[in-house]
Amino acid sequence: MAFMDDDRPKKKPSHEIGQDLSLLSVAELDERVALLEAEIARLNVDRAAKLASKSAADAVFKR
């Protein structure tokens, strides 16, 4: 029998937006804050790159 991707256990997300936080410790909350801050930084870098690309295209086509 061949290995199927569906047989692998699903990885639980480390944070879900809107999730109940009442059972988390301060350390767990700190970990999630750091995780989310890193993701925000990653999103901002990608956003800046896309804005620069759009700006360059606008300059070429003189929008």
C-alpha atoms as a PDB file:
ATOM      1  CA  MET A   1       0.000   0.000   0.000  1.00  0.00           C
ATOM      2  CA  ALA A   2       1.401   3.395  -0.972  1.00  0.00           C
ATOM      3  CA  PHE A   3       1.879   6.164   1.536  1.00  0.00           C
ATOM      4  CA  MET A   4      -0.840   8.771   1.227  1.00  0.00           C
ATOM      5  CA  ASP A   5      -0.636  12.373   2.365  1.00  0.00           C
ATOM      6  CA  ASP A   6      -4.024  12.053   4.068  1.00  0.00           C
ATOM      7  CA  ASP A   7      -2.607   9.435   6.449  1.00  0.00           C
ATOM      8  CA  ARG A   8      -0.261  11.910   8.086  1.00  0.00           C
ATOM      9  CA  PRO A   9      -1.448  13.582  11.282  1.00  0.00           C
ATOM     10  CA  LYS A  10      -2.617  17.128  10.742  1.00  0.00           C
ATOM     11  CA  LYS A  11      -0.366  19.795  12.250  1.00  0.00           C
ATOM     12  CA  LYS A  12      -2.306  21.956  14.664  1.00  0.00           C
ATOM     13  CA  PRO A  13      -1.798  25.655  13.972  1.00  0.00           C
ATOM     14  CA  SER A  14       0.199  27.336  16.699  1.00  0.00           C
ATOM     15  CA  HIS A  15      -2.320  30.157  16.813  1.00  0.00           C
ATOM     16  CA  GLU A  16      -5.790  30.660  15.478  1.00  0.00           C
ATOM     17  CA  ILE A  17      -7.338  34.113  15.208  1.00  0.00           C
ATOM     18  CA  GLY A  18     -10.177  34.496  17.713  1.00  0.00           C
ATOM     19  CA  GLN A  19      -9.097  31.481  19.731  1.00  0.00           C
ATOM     20  CA  ASP A  20      -9.898  31.317  23.466  1.00  0.00           C
ATOM     21  CA  LEU A  21      -6.793  32.500  25.299  1.00  0.00           C
ATOM     22  CA  SER A  22      -7.981  31.953  28.854  1.00  0.00           C
ATOM     23  CA  LEU A  23      -6.161  28.634  29.343  1.00  0.00           C
ATOM     24  CA  LEU A  24      -2.787  29.844  28.040  1.00  0.00           C
ATOM     25  CA  SER A  25       0.069  30.748  30.364  1.00  0.00           C
ATOM     26  CA  VAL A  26       1.927  34.040  30.179  1.00  0.00           C
ATOM     27  CA  ALA A  27       4.848  32.221  28.516  1.00  0.00           C
ATOM     28  CA  GLU A  28       2.520  30.723  25.893  1.00  0.00           C
ATOM     29  CA  LEU A  29       0.997  34.145  25.254  1.00  0.00           C
ATOM     30  CA  ASP A  30       4.488  35.622  24.874  1.00  0.00           C
ATOM     31  CA  GLU A  31       5.354  32.901  22.337  1.00  0.00           C
ATOM     32  CA  ARG A  32       2.246  33.657  20.330  1.00  0.00           C
ATOM     33  CA  VAL A  33       2.889  37.398  20.416  1.00  0.00           C
ATOM     34  CA  ALA A  34       6.407  36.772  19.077  1.00  0.00           C
ATOM     35  CA  LEU A  35       5.023  34.449  16.403  1.00  0.00           C
ATOM     36  CA  LEU A  36       2.445  36.999  15.297  1.00  0.00           C
ATOM     37  CA  GLU A  37       4.959  39.877  15.341  1.00  0.00           C
ATOM     38  CA  ALA A  38       7.272  37.837  13.101  1.00  0.00           C
ATOM     39  CA  GLU A  39       4.384  37.146  10.737  1.00  0.00           C
ATOM     40  CA  ILE A  40       3.443  40.853  10.654  1.00  0.00           C
ATOM     41  CA  ALA A  41       7.054  41.715   9.783  1.00  0.00           C
ATOM     42  CA  ARG A  42       7.028  39.092   7.011  1.00  0.00           C
ATOM     43  CA  LEU A  43       3.773  40.500   5.631  1.00  0.00           C
ATOM     44  CA  ASN A  44       5.128  44.067   5.729  1.00  0.00           C
ATOM     45  CA  VAL A  45       8.259  43.046   3.795  1.00  0.00           C
ATOM     46  CA  ASP A  46       6.166  41.361   1.096  1.00  0.00           C
ATOM     47  CA  ARG A  47       3.758  44.307   0.995  1.00  0.00           C
ATOM     48  CA  ALA A  48       6.630  46.762   0.540  1.00  0.00           C
ATOM     49  CA  ALA A  49       8.044  44.667  -2.312  1.00  0.00           C
ATOM     50  CA  LYS A  50       4.656  44.590  -4.029  1.00  0.00           C
ATOM     51  CA  LEU A  51       4.196  48.337  -3.595  1.00  0.00           C
ATOM     52  CA  ALA A  52       7.642  48.944  -5.094  1.00  0.00           C
ATOM     53  CA  SER A  53       6.774  46.710  -8.037  1.00  0.00           C
ATOM     54  CA  LYS A  54       3.462  48.497  -8.551  1.00  0.00           C
ATOM     55  CA  SER A  55       5.154  51.876  -8.315  1.00  0.00           C
ATOM     56  CA  ALA A  56       7.715  50.828 -10.942  1.00  0.00           C
ATOM     57  CA  ALA A  57       4.959  49.598 -13.255  1.00  0.00           C
ATOM     58  CA  ASP A  58       3.004  52.824 -12.732  1.00  0.00           C
ATOM     59  CA  ALA A  59       6.106  54.838 -13.654  1.00  0.00           C
ATOM     60  CA  VAL A  60       6.610  52.832 -16.856  1.00  0.00           C
ATOM     61  CA  PHE A  61       2.984  53.193 -17.908  1.00  0.00           C
ATOM     62  CA  LYS A  62       2.648  56.724 -16.459  1.00  0.00           C
ATOM     63  CA  ARG A  63      -0.596  56.112 -14.622  1.00  0.00           C
END
